Protein backbone atom coordinates (compact mmCIF):
# COMPACT_ATOMS: atom_id res chain seq x y z
CA UNK A 1 27.27 32.77 66.84
CA UNK A 2 26.69 32.36 63.03
CA UNK A 3 29.02 35.13 62.19
CA UNK A 4 31.71 33.59 64.60
CA UNK A 5 31.54 30.37 62.83
CA UNK A 6 31.67 32.04 59.64
CA UNK A 7 34.86 33.88 60.49
CA UNK A 8 36.64 30.75 61.82
CA UNK A 9 35.47 28.96 58.39
CA UNK A 10 37.10 31.87 56.40
CA UNK A 11 40.23 31.82 58.63
CA UNK A 12 40.57 28.13 58.17
CA UNK A 13 39.97 28.48 54.44
CA UNK A 14 42.84 31.17 54.26
CA UNK A 15 45.27 29.11 56.22
CA UNK A 16 44.67 26.30 54.24
CA UNK A 17 45.13 28.34 50.96
CA UNK A 18 48.38 29.64 52.12
CA UNK A 19 49.72 26.13 53.46
CA UNK A 20 48.99 24.74 49.83
CA UNK A 21 50.98 27.55 48.29
CA UNK A 22 53.85 26.82 50.58
CA UNK A 23 53.76 23.06 49.96
CA UNK A 24 55.70 22.00 46.80
CA UNK A 25 53.19 20.43 44.34
CA UNK A 26 55.03 17.22 44.17
CA UNK A 27 55.15 16.77 48.02
CA UNK A 28 51.52 15.91 48.25
CA UNK A 29 52.37 12.64 46.01
CA UNK A 30 55.24 11.54 48.27
CA UNK A 31 54.44 9.59 51.34
CA UNK A 32 55.89 6.70 53.63
CA UNK A 33 55.93 3.07 52.71
CA UNK A 34 52.94 1.05 53.81
CA UNK A 35 55.23 -1.34 55.73
CA UNK A 36 58.88 -1.93 56.34
CA UNK A 37 59.09 -4.76 53.54
CA UNK A 38 58.78 -2.18 50.93
CA UNK A 39 62.02 -0.55 51.98
CA UNK A 40 65.26 -2.33 51.11
CA UNK A 41 68.87 -2.64 51.86
CA UNK A 42 71.76 -1.81 49.51
CA UNK A 43 72.28 -5.49 49.16
CA UNK A 44 68.84 -6.13 48.14
CA UNK A 45 68.93 -3.35 45.67
CA UNK A 46 71.84 -4.72 44.33
CA UNK A 47 70.20 -8.18 43.84
CA UNK A 48 67.99 -6.54 41.20
CA UNK A 49 70.73 -5.68 38.82
CA UNK A 50 71.26 -7.31 35.54
CA UNK A 51 74.51 -9.26 34.91
CA UNK A 52 76.87 -8.17 32.20
CA UNK A 53 75.68 -11.25 30.26
CA UNK A 54 72.13 -9.85 30.57
CA UNK A 55 73.18 -6.58 29.31
CA UNK A 56 75.43 -7.59 26.28
CA UNK A 57 72.68 -7.81 23.64
CA UNK A 58 71.55 -4.22 24.62
CA UNK A 59 75.04 -2.84 24.59
CA UNK A 60 75.59 -4.41 21.12
CA UNK A 61 72.18 -3.04 19.69
CA UNK A 62 72.90 0.69 19.94
CA UNK A 63 69.72 1.85 18.28
CA UNK A 64 66.16 1.20 19.52
CA UNK A 65 62.79 2.68 18.46
CA UNK A 66 60.44 4.25 20.91
CA UNK A 67 56.73 4.51 20.02
CA UNK A 68 54.49 6.90 22.03
CA UNK A 69 50.91 6.50 20.96
CA UNK A 70 47.30 6.94 22.31
CA UNK A 71 43.83 8.04 21.72
CA UNK A 72 44.93 11.61 22.81
CA UNK A 73 46.15 12.45 19.43
CA UNK A 74 42.49 12.71 18.29
CA UNK A 75 42.66 16.12 20.46
CA UNK A 76 46.24 17.01 21.16
CA UNK A 77 49.75 16.46 20.28
CA UNK A 78 50.83 16.21 23.89
CA UNK A 79 50.22 12.57 25.44
CA UNK A 80 49.02 12.52 28.91
CA UNK A 81 50.50 16.21 29.65
CA UNK A 82 47.81 17.60 27.27
CA UNK A 83 45.20 16.46 29.82
CA UNK A 84 43.97 19.33 32.06
CA UNK A 85 43.65 18.30 35.76
CA UNK A 86 45.82 16.92 38.55
CA UNK A 87 48.92 15.08 37.97
CA UNK A 88 49.74 12.65 40.54
CA UNK A 89 53.52 12.44 40.86
CA UNK A 90 54.28 15.36 38.76
CA UNK A 91 56.29 18.40 40.08
CA UNK A 92 53.76 20.78 38.35
CA UNK A 93 49.92 21.08 38.24
CA UNK A 94 48.36 21.35 34.82
CA UNK A 95 47.46 25.07 33.78
CA UNK A 96 45.80 24.21 30.51
CA UNK A 97 44.93 21.26 28.52
CA UNK A 98 41.91 19.15 27.23
CA UNK A 99 39.19 18.87 29.76
CA UNK A 100 39.35 15.26 31.30
CA UNK A 101 35.69 14.80 30.40
CA UNK A 102 36.79 15.05 26.80
CA UNK A 103 40.25 13.58 27.13
CA UNK A 104 39.17 10.49 29.14
CA UNK A 105 36.51 9.72 26.47
CA UNK A 106 38.87 9.83 23.20
CA UNK A 107 39.28 6.27 23.48
CA UNK A 108 35.68 5.65 22.48
CA UNK A 109 36.70 7.23 18.95
CA UNK A 110 40.06 5.55 18.65
CA UNK A 111 40.06 3.20 15.68
CA UNK A 112 43.57 2.55 14.06
CA UNK A 113 42.22 0.62 11.22
CA UNK A 114 45.67 0.47 9.40
CA UNK A 115 47.55 -0.73 12.25
CA UNK A 116 50.01 -3.73 11.17
CA UNK A 117 52.35 -4.98 13.70
CA UNK A 118 54.50 -6.91 11.22
CA UNK A 119 54.77 -3.62 9.22
CA UNK A 120 55.80 -1.90 12.42
CA UNK A 121 58.61 -4.50 13.03
CA UNK A 122 59.78 -4.25 9.50
CA UNK A 123 60.12 -0.51 10.10
CA UNK A 124 62.24 -1.08 12.93
CA UNK A 125 64.55 -3.50 11.02
CA UNK A 126 64.71 -0.97 8.09
CA UNK A 127 65.83 1.90 10.61
CA UNK A 128 68.63 0.00 11.50
CA UNK A 129 67.15 -0.84 15.20
CA UNK A 130 66.74 -4.06 16.71
CA UNK A 131 64.54 -3.36 19.77
CA UNK A 132 61.15 -1.56 20.40
CA UNK A 133 59.81 0.08 23.44
CA UNK A 134 56.07 0.61 23.23
CA UNK A 135 53.89 2.70 25.54
CA UNK A 136 51.61 -0.11 26.92
CA UNK A 137 50.43 2.67 29.55
CA UNK A 138 51.34 6.14 29.85
CA UNK A 139 50.52 8.53 32.71
CA UNK A 140 46.93 8.86 31.28
CA UNK A 141 46.16 5.42 32.24
CA UNK A 142 44.85 4.38 29.00
CA UNK A 143 45.98 0.56 28.26
CA UNK A 144 46.93 -0.92 24.86
CA UNK A 145 46.44 -4.27 26.25
CA UNK A 146 43.39 -6.52 27.24
CA UNK A 147 43.37 -5.10 30.80
CA UNK A 148 41.24 -7.37 33.02
CA UNK A 149 40.55 -4.66 35.88
CA UNK A 150 39.49 -1.61 33.68
CA UNK A 151 37.35 -0.69 30.80
CA UNK A 152 39.98 2.10 29.91
CA UNK A 153 41.72 0.06 27.31
CA UNK A 154 41.96 -0.90 23.80
CA UNK A 155 39.47 -3.56 23.96
CA UNK A 156 36.52 -0.85 24.46
CA UNK A 157 37.62 1.10 21.56
CA UNK A 158 36.00 0.84 18.11
CA UNK A 159 39.15 -0.90 17.06
CA UNK A 160 38.82 -3.58 19.95
CA UNK A 161 41.80 -5.63 19.49
CA UNK A 162 44.92 -6.16 21.79
CA UNK A 163 47.72 -4.10 20.25
CA UNK A 164 50.29 -5.27 22.86
CA UNK A 165 49.49 -8.80 21.89
CA UNK A 166 50.00 -8.25 18.15
CA UNK A 167 53.28 -6.36 18.67
CA UNK A 168 54.75 -9.15 20.92
CA UNK A 169 53.70 -11.77 18.51
CA UNK A 170 55.29 -9.83 15.53
CA UNK A 171 58.43 -8.87 17.50
CA UNK A 172 59.02 -12.63 18.37
CA UNK A 173 58.50 -13.51 14.62
CA UNK A 174 60.89 -10.75 13.27
CA UNK A 175 63.63 -11.52 16.06
CA UNK A 176 63.06 -8.04 17.44
CA UNK A 177 63.50 -7.45 21.11
CA UNK A 178 60.63 -5.81 22.82
CA UNK A 179 60.26 -3.64 26.01
CA UNK A 180 56.87 -2.51 27.68
CA UNK A 181 56.88 1.29 28.75
CA UNK A 182 54.51 1.38 31.85
CA UNK A 183 53.92 4.45 33.76
CA UNK A 184 53.52 3.85 37.45
CA UNK A 185 51.47 7.16 38.08
CA UNK A 186 48.22 6.94 36.51
CA UNK A 187 46.07 10.32 36.25
CA UNK A 188 42.93 8.52 35.51
CA UNK A 189 42.75 6.06 38.42
CA UNK A 190 41.12 7.88 41.32
CA UNK A 191 43.31 6.33 44.03
CA UNK A 192 46.56 6.38 42.50
CA UNK A 193 49.15 8.43 44.93
CA UNK A 194 46.12 9.47 46.90
CA UNK A 195 44.34 8.08 50.29
CA UNK A 196 43.71 4.60 49.03
CA UNK A 197 46.83 4.21 47.08
CA UNK A 198 48.16 1.12 48.75
CA UNK A 199 44.73 -0.55 49.17
CA UNK A 200 43.40 0.06 45.73
CA UNK A 201 45.86 1.51 43.19
CA UNK A 202 48.92 -0.68 43.80
CA UNK A 203 47.08 -4.00 43.47
CA UNK A 204 45.33 -2.68 40.39
CA UNK A 205 48.85 -1.73 38.93
CA UNK A 206 50.52 -5.04 40.07
CA UNK A 207 47.73 -6.92 38.06
CA UNK A 208 48.71 -4.85 35.01
CA UNK A 209 52.40 -5.67 35.37
CA UNK A 210 51.81 -9.30 35.94
CA UNK A 211 49.52 -9.54 32.88
CA UNK A 212 52.03 -7.71 30.58
CA UNK A 213 55.00 -9.77 31.62
CA UNK A 214 53.32 -13.38 31.73
CA UNK A 215 50.64 -13.25 29.00
CA UNK A 216 52.54 -12.09 26.03
CA UNK A 217 55.68 -14.50 25.77
CA UNK A 218 59.04 -13.35 25.87
CA UNK A 219 59.45 -9.69 27.01
CA UNK A 220 63.07 -8.23 26.98
CA UNK A 221 62.68 -5.11 29.06
CA UNK A 222 60.45 -2.71 31.09
CA UNK A 223 60.71 1.14 30.79
CA UNK A 224 59.28 2.50 33.86
CA UNK A 225 58.47 6.31 34.22
CA UNK A 226 58.22 7.17 37.79
CA UNK A 227 58.03 11.08 37.63
CA UNK A 228 58.75 12.57 41.07
CA UNK A 229 57.86 9.58 43.20
CA UNK A 230 59.57 7.17 45.46
CA UNK A 231 60.39 3.50 44.89
CA UNK A 232 58.48 2.15 47.70
CA UNK A 233 55.38 3.73 46.49
CA UNK A 234 55.20 1.32 43.79
CA UNK A 235 56.78 -1.58 45.95
CA UNK A 236 59.65 -1.61 43.34
CA UNK A 237 61.79 -4.07 44.87
CA UNK A 238 59.31 -6.89 44.97
CA UNK A 239 57.63 -6.03 41.55
CA UNK A 240 61.25 -6.03 39.77
CA UNK A 241 62.41 -9.22 41.74
CA UNK A 242 59.21 -11.02 40.41
CA UNK A 243 59.62 -9.75 36.99
CA UNK A 244 63.09 -11.14 36.73
CA UNK A 245 61.77 -14.39 37.88
CA UNK A 246 59.15 -14.47 35.30
CA UNK A 247 61.31 -13.11 32.48
CA UNK A 248 64.87 -14.19 33.44
CA UNK A 249 67.38 -11.60 31.86
CA UNK A 250 64.83 -8.83 31.79
CA UNK A 251 66.28 -5.42 31.78
CA UNK A 252 64.90 -2.43 33.69
CA UNK A 253 65.52 1.20 33.06
CA UNK A 254 66.38 3.82 35.93
CA UNK A 255 62.88 5.13 36.55
CA UNK A 256 61.87 2.78 39.22
CA UNK A 257 61.28 5.75 41.76
CA UNK A 258 63.77 7.72 43.82
CA UNK A 259 65.10 6.99 47.44
CA UNK A 260 66.87 3.87 46.94
CA UNK A 261 69.66 3.18 49.26
CA UNK A 262 71.84 4.19 46.22
CA UNK A 263 69.97 6.22 43.65
CA UNK A 264 72.98 5.98 41.24
CA UNK A 265 72.10 2.28 40.83
CA UNK A 266 68.31 2.79 39.97
CA UNK A 267 67.64 -0.01 37.43
CA UNK A 268 70.16 -1.45 34.93
CA UNK A 269 70.93 1.69 32.91
CA UNK A 270 70.15 5.43 32.83
CA UNK A 271 67.76 7.33 30.79
CA UNK A 272 68.91 10.83 29.80
CA UNK A 273 66.02 12.48 27.88
CA UNK A 274 66.22 14.96 24.96
CA UNK A 275 70.10 15.06 25.40
CA UNK A 276 73.10 13.06 24.21
CA UNK A 277 74.14 12.03 27.62
CA UNK A 278 77.61 12.32 29.27
CA UNK A 279 81.08 11.75 27.80
CA UNK A 280 82.30 9.23 30.28
CA UNK A 281 79.62 8.00 32.54
CA UNK A 282 80.39 4.93 34.88
CA UNK A 283 77.08 3.21 33.84
CA UNK A 284 75.58 2.34 30.37
CA UNK A 285 72.87 4.81 29.35
CA UNK A 286 70.11 5.23 26.84
CA UNK A 287 69.59 8.73 25.22
CA UNK A 288 65.57 8.99 24.58
CA UNK A 289 65.04 11.65 21.67
CA UNK A 290 62.23 12.58 19.56
CA UNK A 291 61.90 12.41 15.79
CA UNK A 292 59.84 15.53 15.98
CA UNK A 293 59.21 18.23 18.56
CA UNK A 294 56.71 15.82 20.60
CA UNK A 295 56.44 12.36 21.76
CA UNK A 296 53.03 11.95 20.42
CA UNK A 297 52.02 12.16 16.69
CA UNK A 298 52.42 15.85 15.44
CA UNK A 299 50.91 16.41 12.12
CA UNK A 300 53.06 19.52 11.17
CA UNK A 301 55.90 18.85 13.59
CA UNK A 302 59.62 19.66 12.68
CA UNK A 303 61.10 16.29 11.55
CA UNK A 304 64.92 15.76 12.29
CA UNK A 305 66.84 15.00 8.95
CA UNK A 306 68.76 11.76 8.95
CA UNK A 307 72.05 13.62 9.04
CA UNK A 308 71.42 15.06 12.50
CA UNK A 309 70.01 11.75 13.84
CA UNK A 310 73.38 9.87 12.70
CA UNK A 311 75.38 12.58 14.41
CA UNK A 312 73.60 12.04 17.29
CA UNK A 313 73.74 8.34 16.98
CA UNK A 314 77.64 8.39 16.38
CA UNK A 315 78.19 10.64 19.63
CA UNK A 316 75.88 8.65 21.82
CA UNK A 317 77.65 5.39 20.85
CA UNK A 318 81.10 6.70 21.01
CA UNK A 319 80.53 7.95 24.56
CA UNK A 320 78.92 4.68 26.00
CA UNK A 321 75.26 4.76 25.29
CA UNK A 322 72.34 3.73 22.96
CA UNK A 323 69.89 5.97 21.14
CA UNK A 324 66.15 5.39 21.68
CA UNK A 325 64.45 7.32 18.82
CA UNK A 326 60.81 8.12 19.21
CA UNK A 327 58.14 7.96 16.46
CA UNK A 328 54.53 8.98 16.87
CA UNK A 329 52.18 6.88 14.65
CA UNK A 330 49.01 8.62 13.47
CA UNK A 331 45.51 7.84 14.28
CA UNK A 332 45.27 5.18 11.53
CA UNK A 333 48.02 3.35 13.11
CA UNK A 334 50.78 4.11 10.55
CA UNK A 335 54.09 5.65 10.81
CA UNK A 336 54.52 9.07 9.37
CA UNK A 337 55.76 8.75 5.81
CA UNK A 338 57.98 11.76 5.96
CA UNK A 339 59.45 10.55 9.42
CA UNK A 340 59.98 7.00 8.13
CA UNK A 341 61.88 8.10 5.18
CA UNK A 342 64.52 9.81 7.43
CA UNK A 343 64.64 6.47 9.29
CA UNK A 344 65.25 4.57 6.14
CA UNK A 345 68.25 6.79 5.50
CA UNK A 346 69.67 6.06 8.95
CA UNK A 347 69.13 2.32 8.36
CA UNK A 348 71.00 2.73 4.90
CA UNK A 349 73.98 4.30 6.56
CA UNK A 350 74.06 1.63 9.24
CA UNK A 351 73.75 -1.26 6.58
CA UNK A 352 77.06 0.05 5.11
CA UNK A 353 78.85 1.38 8.18
CA UNK A 354 77.08 -0.30 11.15
CA UNK A 355 80.06 -2.84 11.63
CA UNK A 356 82.07 0.15 13.23
CA UNK A 357 79.15 0.96 15.57
CA UNK A 358 77.10 -2.13 16.47
CA UNK A 359 78.74 -4.60 18.90
CA UNK A 360 81.29 -2.06 19.93
CA UNK A 361 82.02 -0.28 23.25
CA UNK A 362 82.69 3.45 23.87
CA UNK A 363 86.29 3.99 22.61
CA UNK A 364 89.61 4.57 24.31
CA UNK A 365 89.59 8.30 23.08
CA UNK A 366 86.73 10.32 24.65
CA UNK A 367 84.52 12.12 22.37
CA UNK A 368 85.44 15.83 21.61
CA UNK A 369 85.38 18.48 18.67
CA UNK A 370 86.77 16.19 16.31
CA UNK A 371 84.09 13.25 16.83
CA UNK A 372 83.90 10.04 18.81
CA UNK A 373 85.62 6.38 18.89
CA UNK A 374 84.33 2.99 19.18
CA UNK A 375 86.40 -0.33 19.65
CA UNK A 376 85.86 -3.86 19.09
CA UNK A 377 88.56 -6.28 20.21
CA UNK A 378 91.92 -4.88 19.12
CA UNK A 379 90.20 -2.50 16.57
CA UNK A 380 89.69 1.16 17.57
CA UNK A 381 87.42 3.11 15.06
CA UNK A 382 87.83 6.99 14.89
CA UNK A 383 84.68 8.58 13.78
CA UNK A 384 85.33 11.99 12.47
CA UNK A 385 82.12 14.10 12.32
CA UNK A 386 83.74 17.74 12.69
CA UNK A 387 83.08 19.74 9.60
CA UNK A 388 86.29 21.62 7.93
CA UNK A 389 85.86 25.20 7.05
CA UNK A 390 87.28 26.59 3.65
CA UNK A 391 90.40 27.95 5.31
CA UNK A 392 91.32 25.07 7.17
CA UNK A 393 93.00 21.69 6.54
CA UNK A 394 91.39 18.06 7.02
CA UNK A 395 94.07 17.21 9.52
CA UNK A 396 93.38 16.28 13.20
CA UNK A 397 95.61 15.75 16.11
CA UNK A 398 94.76 13.43 18.93
CA UNK A 399 96.75 12.09 21.87
CA UNK A 400 99.20 9.46 21.10
CA UNK A 401 97.87 6.01 22.06
CA UNK A 402 99.26 4.10 24.81
CA UNK A 403 99.83 0.76 22.72
CA UNK A 404 101.36 0.10 19.39
CA UNK A 405 99.49 0.73 16.11
CA UNK A 406 99.72 -2.32 13.91
CA UNK A 407 97.73 -0.95 10.68
CA UNK A 408 95.46 2.05 9.98
CA UNK A 409 92.72 1.80 7.25
CA UNK A 410 90.22 4.30 5.91
CA UNK A 411 86.89 2.86 5.90
CA UNK A 412 85.50 5.94 4.15
CA UNK A 413 87.45 7.25 1.26
CA UNK A 414 89.59 10.31 1.77
CA UNK A 415 92.06 8.77 4.22
CA UNK A 416 95.57 9.91 3.29
CA UNK A 417 97.73 8.67 6.35
CA UNK A 418 98.81 9.11 9.95
CA UNK A 419 101.78 10.01 11.72
CA UNK A 420 102.95 10.03 15.24
CA UNK A 421 104.65 13.46 16.09
CA UNK A 422 105.49 15.15 19.42
CA UNK A 423 103.28 12.66 21.34
CA UNK A 424 100.35 13.23 18.98
CA UNK A 425 98.44 10.97 16.68
CA UNK A 426 98.01 13.12 13.36
CA UNK A 427 95.27 11.75 11.07
CA UNK A 428 95.11 13.28 7.65
CA UNK A 429 92.25 13.38 5.06
CA UNK A 430 91.83 14.61 1.38
CA UNK A 431 89.93 17.78 1.95
CA UNK A 432 88.02 17.70 -1.17
CA UNK A 433 86.56 14.33 -0.03
CA UNK A 434 86.24 14.95 3.70
CA UNK A 435 83.24 17.09 3.70
CA UNK A 436 81.38 14.84 1.46
CA UNK A 437 81.05 12.34 4.29
CA UNK A 438 78.79 12.57 7.24
CA UNK A 439 81.33 10.46 9.22
CA UNK A 440 84.90 9.94 8.23
CA UNK A 441 85.91 6.51 9.61
CA UNK A 442 89.35 5.24 10.30
CA UNK A 443 90.16 1.73 11.62
CA UNK A 444 93.21 1.26 14.02
CA UNK A 445 94.45 -2.22 14.50
CA UNK A 446 96.17 -1.98 17.94
CA UNK A 447 98.90 -4.41 19.33
CA UNK A 448 96.63 -4.66 22.58
CA UNK A 449 93.09 -4.51 23.36
CA UNK A 450 92.22 -0.74 24.14
CA UNK A 451 89.90 -1.90 26.91
CA UNK A 452 93.04 -2.64 28.89
CA UNK A 453 93.74 1.15 29.18
CA UNK A 454 91.92 3.93 30.91
CA UNK A 455 90.01 6.27 28.33
CA UNK A 456 91.88 9.35 27.30
CA UNK A 457 90.38 12.68 26.99
CA UNK A 458 90.73 14.47 23.69
CA UNK A 459 89.41 18.00 24.13
CA UNK A 460 89.09 20.45 27.20
CA UNK A 461 85.79 21.80 26.37
CA UNK A 462 86.25 25.56 27.55
CA UNK A 463 84.62 27.96 25.20
CA UNK A 464 85.78 31.63 24.81
CA UNK A 465 84.21 33.39 27.86
CA UNK A 466 81.22 35.54 27.24
CA UNK A 467 83.14 38.38 29.02
CA UNK A 468 85.47 38.11 26.18
CA UNK A 469 82.82 39.39 23.39
CA UNK A 470 79.89 41.04 22.91
CA UNK A 471 76.85 39.03 21.30
CA UNK A 472 74.38 40.62 18.89
CA UNK A 473 71.81 39.61 16.24
CA UNK A 474 69.60 40.71 13.47
CA UNK A 475 66.49 40.37 15.77
CA UNK A 476 65.21 38.35 18.39
CA UNK A 477 61.56 37.29 18.99
CA UNK A 478 61.06 37.80 22.81
CA UNK A 479 63.54 39.18 25.55
CA UNK A 480 64.05 35.44 26.84
CA UNK A 481 65.42 34.86 23.37
CA UNK A 482 67.98 37.47 22.97
CA UNK A 483 71.57 36.44 21.86
CA UNK A 484 73.00 36.79 25.43
CA UNK A 485 70.73 34.25 26.81
CA UNK A 486 72.48 31.11 25.70
CA UNK A 487 75.74 32.14 27.17
CA UNK A 488 74.36 32.19 30.68
CA UNK A 489 73.78 28.45 30.44
CA UNK A 490 76.54 26.07 31.71
CA UNK A 491 74.97 23.37 29.80
CA UNK A 492 75.95 25.01 26.41
CA UNK A 493 79.05 22.83 26.35
CA UNK A 494 79.34 19.69 24.25
CA UNK A 495 80.87 17.44 27.06
CA UNK A 496 78.09 18.36 29.45
CA UNK A 497 75.34 16.48 27.57
CA UNK A 498 72.62 18.68 29.02
CA UNK A 499 69.21 19.33 27.54
CA UNK A 500 69.64 23.06 26.71
CA UNK A 501 66.63 25.01 27.47
CA UNK A 502 67.77 28.29 26.46
CA UNK A 503 68.01 29.60 22.84
CA UNK A 504 68.40 32.68 20.38
CA UNK A 505 65.17 32.82 18.22
CA UNK A 506 65.00 35.52 15.49
CA UNK A 507 61.72 37.35 14.64
CA UNK A 508 59.38 35.45 12.29
CA UNK A 509 59.78 38.23 9.71
CA UNK A 510 63.44 38.47 9.90
CA UNK A 511 64.36 37.54 6.24
CA UNK A 512 68.12 37.28 6.86
CA UNK A 513 68.77 36.17 10.44
CA UNK A 514 72.30 36.35 11.93
CA UNK A 515 74.11 36.07 15.06
CA UNK A 516 77.60 37.63 15.86
CA UNK A 517 80.24 37.57 18.38
CA UNK A 518 82.47 40.82 18.32
CA UNK A 519 85.78 39.96 20.32
CA UNK A 520 87.22 42.46 22.63
CA UNK A 521 90.68 41.41 21.74
CA UNK A 522 91.38 39.26 18.50
CA UNK A 523 91.02 35.52 18.95
CA UNK A 524 92.79 32.57 17.35
CA UNK A 525 89.85 30.18 16.93
CA UNK A 526 90.15 26.68 16.07
CA UNK A 527 86.73 25.21 16.64
CA UNK A 528 82.99 26.50 16.36
CA UNK A 529 80.26 24.50 18.04
CA UNK A 530 76.61 25.01 16.82
CA UNK A 531 73.57 23.35 18.44
CA UNK A 532 69.91 23.77 17.83
CA UNK A 533 67.04 23.10 20.23
CA UNK A 534 66.78 19.41 20.29
CA UNK A 535 63.04 19.60 19.69
CA UNK A 536 63.49 21.85 16.56
CA UNK A 537 66.14 20.97 14.13
CA UNK A 538 65.32 23.63 11.46
CA UNK A 539 68.28 24.62 9.65
CA UNK A 540 68.67 23.64 6.04
CA UNK A 541 71.42 26.08 4.93
CA UNK A 542 73.60 28.49 6.82
CA UNK A 543 77.16 30.06 6.51
CA UNK A 544 79.89 31.21 8.81
CA UNK A 545 81.83 34.55 8.10
CA UNK A 546 84.87 35.96 9.97
CA UNK A 547 86.18 39.43 10.41
CA UNK A 548 90.23 39.45 10.23
CA UNK A 549 92.37 41.90 12.14
CA UNK A 550 92.08 44.37 9.14
CA UNK A 551 88.40 44.59 9.22
CA UNK A 552 87.65 42.50 6.30
CA UNK A 553 84.80 39.87 6.20
CA UNK A 554 85.06 36.44 4.66
CA UNK A 555 82.85 33.47 4.40
CA UNK A 556 84.64 30.52 5.65
CA UNK A 557 82.07 27.74 5.73
CA UNK A 558 78.71 27.17 4.17
CA UNK A 559 76.62 24.07 5.54
CA UNK A 560 73.17 22.54 5.54
CA UNK A 561 72.12 20.84 8.81
CA UNK A 562 73.17 21.67 12.43
CA UNK A 563 71.10 19.50 14.82
CA UNK A 564 72.74 18.75 17.92
CA UNK A 565 76.40 19.67 18.56
CA UNK A 566 77.96 20.40 14.99
CA UNK A 567 81.59 21.35 15.19
CA UNK A 568 83.41 23.05 12.65
CA UNK A 569 87.24 23.17 12.16
CA UNK A 570 88.81 26.70 11.57
CA UNK A 571 92.58 27.34 10.75
CA UNK A 572 93.43 29.22 14.09
CA UNK A 573 94.19 32.59 12.52
CA UNK A 574 93.58 35.74 14.56
CA UNK A 575 89.96 37.22 13.99
CA UNK A 576 87.92 40.09 15.41
CA UNK A 577 84.38 38.83 14.83
CA UNK A 578 82.50 35.82 13.72
CA UNK A 579 79.07 35.70 12.35
CA UNK A 580 76.50 33.04 11.77
CA UNK A 581 73.97 33.63 8.97
CA UNK A 582 70.67 31.75 8.54
CA UNK A 583 70.06 31.27 5.05
CA UNK A 584 67.30 28.49 4.82
CA UNK A 585 65.20 27.23 7.88
CA UNK A 586 62.02 25.21 7.34
CA UNK A 587 60.68 25.60 10.96
CA UNK A 588 61.35 27.95 13.77
CA UNK A 589 65.15 28.72 14.17
CA UNK A 590 66.19 28.15 17.72
CA UNK A 591 70.03 28.22 18.35
CA UNK A 592 71.11 26.85 21.66
CA UNK A 593 74.87 27.13 21.27
CA UNK A 594 77.18 29.10 19.23
CA UNK A 595 80.29 28.55 20.91
CA UNK A 596 83.93 29.32 19.87
CA UNK A 597 87.05 27.78 21.05
CA UNK A 598 90.89 28.78 20.91
């Protein structure tokens, strides 16, 4: 009898193990609504949407600062995801990380003695931003406010003071808009997305939300982070409806849970992460990008230079979005000096040229290899950020505009003039001055407001097919980083705006890395697109060489930074091969795109 019971138990264990393997991890965190009131109609969903008037300041702002922070930095550089254990709401289980017994007790050592909320707000201003998004509670459950229903908060650290209260007060004093980031999933709470979720966790969460949006004065927005969950699991409809009563005009991002009657209308705007977002999306959006390769403080992280941040900012604004740039303060509560220095440079540029970006909308001319456009009233600003090679002219052809041009003015020096020829708007620059500018800006005063017309495509982004060349390199670190890998990714196209996850990476001991394309038949190339891994903008000097039809190599361009989506203009002459040379790289070189266009 005992043997039989043992056998049955063993069979049940095997069956359970197989069943667990067959069930996707995230499926266990998704379950029905507690009652029908948590499910809504499309009309109810639309009631939650912000008005155009509510959205105006946000669309005018263009640049926000994101801050990820927490006691986790004492042990790891990965906030929440650096904790081992179950991850309710996530798509994958943890395979490594800090033991929960250690991670969940780090708050007892957290003492940011140099935290100064007023200084943080001055940083925001100096960087050229006008709003701050702060992680009041991330997935790990730690609260940066005086939470009334848990001891897992800032009040029970050696620091012992309400960070959210200080930030809210400082923001109000400085005229900075403030959002609370709040993660609905909570990996510390024992009932979150488990058996007693509706009975125990949801009331706990609602108490937090009520406190954060009623006890700290004016709060301008909420940044949710739902992971792979459903909106009804957080009673999102009723929670958001109440928030918009408590804080009229409050904005909500899109991460309020999946499964709405129309998931394309989740929240008031979209949140692409670690990508530049789409060229012509019907909704407004905000690209969330990191200053280093991590969201949390990373002592030796690869810091993005101001040039690449500004390049991304210009593309984002010209294509209908805001840039939310993340900084990770250290354990003492200070912004990292080297990161802040790049932020100051961004602010300095915006102080000089921000009038062509702030308070604008995505331009009549869609972004392309040349750059992007913005518009304000009857003024259309053209932002030329494409670099010009040694053998090319600083002359750009764009589609003719559907309304009369009254005047054309160069905002940056080097603009020579324009002409309309063969249905093309041709803009000319002094080549000797052109490449000295990060952004070459031209203002066109138009007879009619450009918003009266449909946007115009300026570049059909079809790179030379990988079937038409052989890719080779000086070396590659692993098989998954061989040069062919980046050509199998449809996302390696500027207009896609996709977070590219494949890259060529040379061996660490490669002293002169290069990546080369040999064409099966000669190509008349006009544009090169180079891009680095969004998390590691490493290049500080590089060159481009081309091989002509007689087999002679010639250097045609030398540059410094690449970042995300750098384009280089060529003269269109016929060539047999093209080579990208890494001359100086201060972190790990990771190239996600080396595409060429005829």
